[in-house]
C-alpha cells in the first residue's frame, strides 16, 4: 500500500512538478543521468522496498548534484 502511494507521488512529480520546477529555476537542460532520478526512484522502491529504495534514490539525487551548473 505504501509503495503504491510513493509511486503515485513520484508520478505526480514527473507529470507536473518537474516541468514547473525547471521553469522556475530556469533549468533548460535534460537530466544527465539515465534513467532520470525520479524514474530510478520508482524502480528502486519497487525492487528494493521502501526504505532501501528511498535510500538509494537519495544517494542518486545527491550524486547527480542537481543544484550545480
N, C-alpha and C. Protein backbone atom coordinates (compact mmCIF):
# COMPACT_ATOMS: atom_id res chain seq x y z
N UNK A 1 0.82 -1.20 0.00
CA UNK A 1 0.00 0.00 0.00
C UNK A 1 0.87 1.26 0.00
N UNK A 2 1.85 1.30 0.88
CA UNK A 2 2.73 2.47 0.97
C UNK A 2 3.56 2.63 -0.31
N UNK A 3 3.96 1.48 -0.89
CA UNK A 3 4.71 1.54 -2.15
C UNK A 3 3.89 2.24 -3.22
N UNK A 4 2.63 1.87 -3.31
CA UNK A 4 1.76 2.46 -4.33
C UNK A 4 1.60 3.96 -4.12
N UNK A 5 1.51 4.39 -2.87
CA UNK A 5 1.38 5.81 -2.56
C UNK A 5 2.64 6.55 -2.99
N UNK A 6 3.81 6.01 -2.66
CA UNK A 6 5.07 6.65 -3.04
C UNK A 6 5.23 6.71 -4.55
N UNK A 7 4.89 5.64 -5.22
CA UNK A 7 4.98 5.61 -6.69
C UNK A 7 4.02 6.65 -7.28
N UNK A 8 2.83 6.78 -6.70
CA UNK A 8 1.87 7.78 -7.17
C UNK A 8 2.39 9.20 -6.98
N UNK A 9 3.05 9.44 -5.85
CA UNK A 9 3.63 10.76 -5.60
C UNK A 9 4.71 11.07 -6.64
N UNK A 10 5.53 10.09 -6.95
CA UNK A 10 6.57 10.27 -7.96
C UNK A 10 5.95 10.52 -9.33
N UNK A 11 4.87 9.80 -9.64
CA UNK A 11 4.17 10.01 -10.92
C UNK A 11 3.64 11.44 -11.03
N UNK A 12 3.06 11.96 -9.95
CA UNK A 12 2.56 13.34 -9.95
C UNK A 12 3.73 14.30 -10.13
N UNK A 13 4.83 14.05 -9.44
CA UNK A 13 6.02 14.89 -9.61
C UNK A 13 6.48 14.89 -11.06
N UNK A 14 6.57 13.70 -11.65
CA UNK A 14 7.03 13.61 -13.03
C UNK A 14 6.08 14.35 -13.99
N UNK A 15 4.80 14.26 -13.74
CA UNK A 15 3.82 14.85 -14.64
C UNK A 15 3.74 16.38 -14.52
N UNK A 16 3.86 16.89 -13.30
CA UNK A 16 3.59 18.31 -13.09
C UNK A 16 4.77 19.08 -12.52
N UNK A 17 5.25 18.64 -11.39
CA UNK A 17 6.23 19.42 -10.64
C UNK A 17 7.58 19.53 -11.35
N UNK A 18 7.99 18.50 -12.02
CA UNK A 18 9.29 18.52 -12.69
C UNK A 18 9.37 19.68 -13.68
N UNK A 19 8.37 19.83 -14.53
CA UNK A 19 8.40 20.90 -15.53
C UNK A 19 8.23 22.27 -14.87
N UNK A 20 7.41 22.36 -13.83
CA UNK A 20 7.22 23.63 -13.13
C UNK A 20 8.53 24.07 -12.49
N UNK A 21 9.20 23.16 -11.81
CA UNK A 21 10.47 23.49 -11.16
C UNK A 21 11.53 23.89 -12.18
N UNK A 22 11.54 23.22 -13.31
CA UNK A 22 12.51 23.58 -14.35
C UNK A 22 12.27 25.00 -14.83
N UNK A 23 11.01 25.38 -14.99
CA UNK A 23 10.69 26.73 -15.44
C UNK A 23 11.01 27.77 -14.38
N UNK A 24 10.73 27.48 -13.12
CA UNK A 24 11.00 28.42 -12.04
C UNK A 24 12.50 28.60 -11.84
N UNK A 25 13.25 27.49 -11.85
CA UNK A 25 14.68 27.55 -11.62
C UNK A 25 15.47 27.90 -12.88
N UNK A 26 14.80 27.91 -14.02
CA UNK A 26 15.46 28.26 -15.27
C UNK A 26 16.37 27.18 -15.81
N UNK A 27 16.08 25.95 -15.45
CA UNK A 27 16.89 24.84 -15.92
C UNK A 27 16.30 24.37 -17.24
N UNK A 28 17.08 24.49 -18.31
CA UNK A 28 16.58 24.11 -19.62
C UNK A 28 17.32 22.91 -20.20
N UNK A 29 18.04 22.20 -19.37
CA UNK A 29 18.77 21.04 -19.88
C UNK A 29 18.13 19.76 -19.39
N UNK A 30 18.38 18.71 -20.10
CA UNK A 30 17.85 17.41 -19.74
C UNK A 30 18.67 16.81 -18.61
N UNK A 31 18.12 15.82 -17.98
CA UNK A 31 18.82 15.12 -16.91
C UNK A 31 20.07 14.47 -17.49
N UNK A 32 21.16 14.55 -16.76
CA UNK A 32 22.40 13.98 -17.28
C UNK A 32 22.53 12.48 -17.01
N UNK A 33 21.63 11.94 -16.20
CA UNK A 33 21.65 10.52 -15.89
C UNK A 33 20.49 9.82 -16.58
N UNK A 34 20.70 8.55 -16.87
CA UNK A 34 19.64 7.77 -17.47
C UNK A 34 19.53 6.44 -16.72
N UNK A 35 18.38 6.09 -16.22
CA UNK A 35 17.12 6.80 -16.21
C UNK A 35 17.18 8.01 -15.29
N UNK A 36 16.19 8.88 -15.40
CA UNK A 36 16.15 10.07 -14.55
C UNK A 36 16.07 9.65 -13.09
N UNK A 37 16.37 10.58 -12.20
CA UNK A 37 16.35 10.27 -10.77
C UNK A 37 14.97 9.83 -10.30
N UNK A 38 13.93 10.45 -10.81
CA UNK A 38 12.58 10.07 -10.39
C UNK A 38 12.21 8.68 -10.91
N UNK A 39 12.61 8.37 -12.12
CA UNK A 39 12.36 7.02 -12.66
C UNK A 39 13.18 5.99 -11.89
N UNK A 40 14.42 6.33 -11.57
CA UNK A 40 15.27 5.45 -10.78
C UNK A 40 14.64 5.20 -9.41
N UNK A 41 14.05 6.23 -8.81
CA UNK A 41 13.40 6.08 -7.51
C UNK A 41 12.25 5.09 -7.59
N UNK A 42 11.45 5.17 -8.64
CA UNK A 42 10.35 4.23 -8.80
C UNK A 42 10.86 2.80 -8.93
N UNK A 43 11.90 2.62 -9.72
CA UNK A 43 12.47 1.28 -9.90
C UNK A 43 13.04 0.76 -8.59
N UNK A 44 13.79 1.61 -7.88
CA UNK A 44 14.42 1.20 -6.63
C UNK A 44 13.38 0.84 -5.56
N UNK A 45 12.32 1.63 -5.46
CA UNK A 45 11.28 1.35 -4.47
C UNK A 45 10.58 0.04 -4.80
N UNK A 46 10.28 -0.19 -6.06
CA UNK A 46 9.64 -1.45 -6.45
C UNK A 46 10.54 -2.65 -6.21
N UNK A 47 11.81 -2.51 -6.51
CA UNK A 47 12.73 -3.63 -6.43
C UNK A 47 13.25 -3.88 -5.01
N UNK A 48 13.63 -2.82 -4.31
CA UNK A 48 14.32 -2.94 -3.03
C UNK A 48 13.41 -2.76 -1.80
N UNK A 49 12.23 -2.22 -2.00
CA UNK A 49 11.37 -1.90 -0.88
C UNK A 49 11.47 -0.42 -0.57
N UNK A 50 10.66 0.02 0.38
CA UNK A 50 10.54 1.44 0.65
C UNK A 50 11.82 2.04 1.21
N UNK A 51 12.33 1.49 2.29
CA UNK A 51 13.49 2.10 2.95
C UNK A 51 14.75 2.07 2.09
N UNK A 52 15.08 0.92 1.57
CA UNK A 52 16.27 0.82 0.71
C UNK A 52 16.10 1.62 -0.57
N UNK A 53 14.89 1.59 -1.12
CA UNK A 53 14.62 2.33 -2.34
C UNK A 53 14.77 3.83 -2.14
N UNK A 54 14.24 4.34 -1.03
CA UNK A 54 14.39 5.77 -0.74
C UNK A 54 15.84 6.13 -0.47
N UNK A 55 16.56 5.25 0.21
CA UNK A 55 17.98 5.49 0.48
C UNK A 55 18.77 5.55 -0.82
N UNK A 56 18.55 4.59 -1.69
CA UNK A 56 19.24 4.58 -2.98
C UNK A 56 18.87 5.80 -3.82
N UNK A 57 17.61 6.20 -3.76
CA UNK A 57 17.16 7.37 -4.50
C UNK A 57 17.84 8.64 -3.99
N UNK A 58 17.93 8.78 -2.68
CA UNK A 58 18.58 9.95 -2.09
C UNK A 58 20.05 10.01 -2.50
N UNK A 59 20.72 8.88 -2.47
CA UNK A 59 22.13 8.83 -2.88
C UNK A 59 22.25 9.22 -4.35
N UNK A 60 21.35 8.74 -5.17
CA UNK A 60 21.37 9.05 -6.61
C UNK A 60 21.17 10.55 -6.83
N UNK A 61 20.21 11.14 -6.14
CA UNK A 61 19.94 12.57 -6.31
C UNK A 61 21.14 13.40 -5.86
N UNK A 62 21.75 13.02 -4.75
CA UNK A 62 22.91 13.76 -4.27
C UNK A 62 24.11 13.60 -5.19
N UNK A 63 24.27 12.44 -5.80
CA UNK A 63 25.38 12.22 -6.72
C UNK A 63 25.18 12.97 -8.03
N UNK A 64 23.94 13.26 -8.36
CA UNK A 64 23.61 14.00 -9.58
C UNK A 64 24.01 15.46 -9.45
N UNK A 65 24.05 15.97 -8.24
CA UNK A 65 24.34 17.38 -7.96
C UNK A 65 23.39 18.29 -8.74
N UNK A 66 22.09 18.20 -8.43
CA UNK A 66 21.09 18.92 -9.22
C UNK A 66 21.14 20.44 -9.07
N UNK A 67 21.80 20.95 -8.04
CA UNK A 67 21.80 22.39 -7.82
C UNK A 67 23.08 23.07 -8.29
N UNK A 68 23.85 22.38 -9.10
CA UNK A 68 25.07 22.97 -9.67
C UNK A 68 24.91 23.08 -11.17
N UNK A 69 25.75 23.87 -11.79
CA UNK A 69 25.67 24.04 -13.25
C UNK A 69 26.36 22.97 -13.96
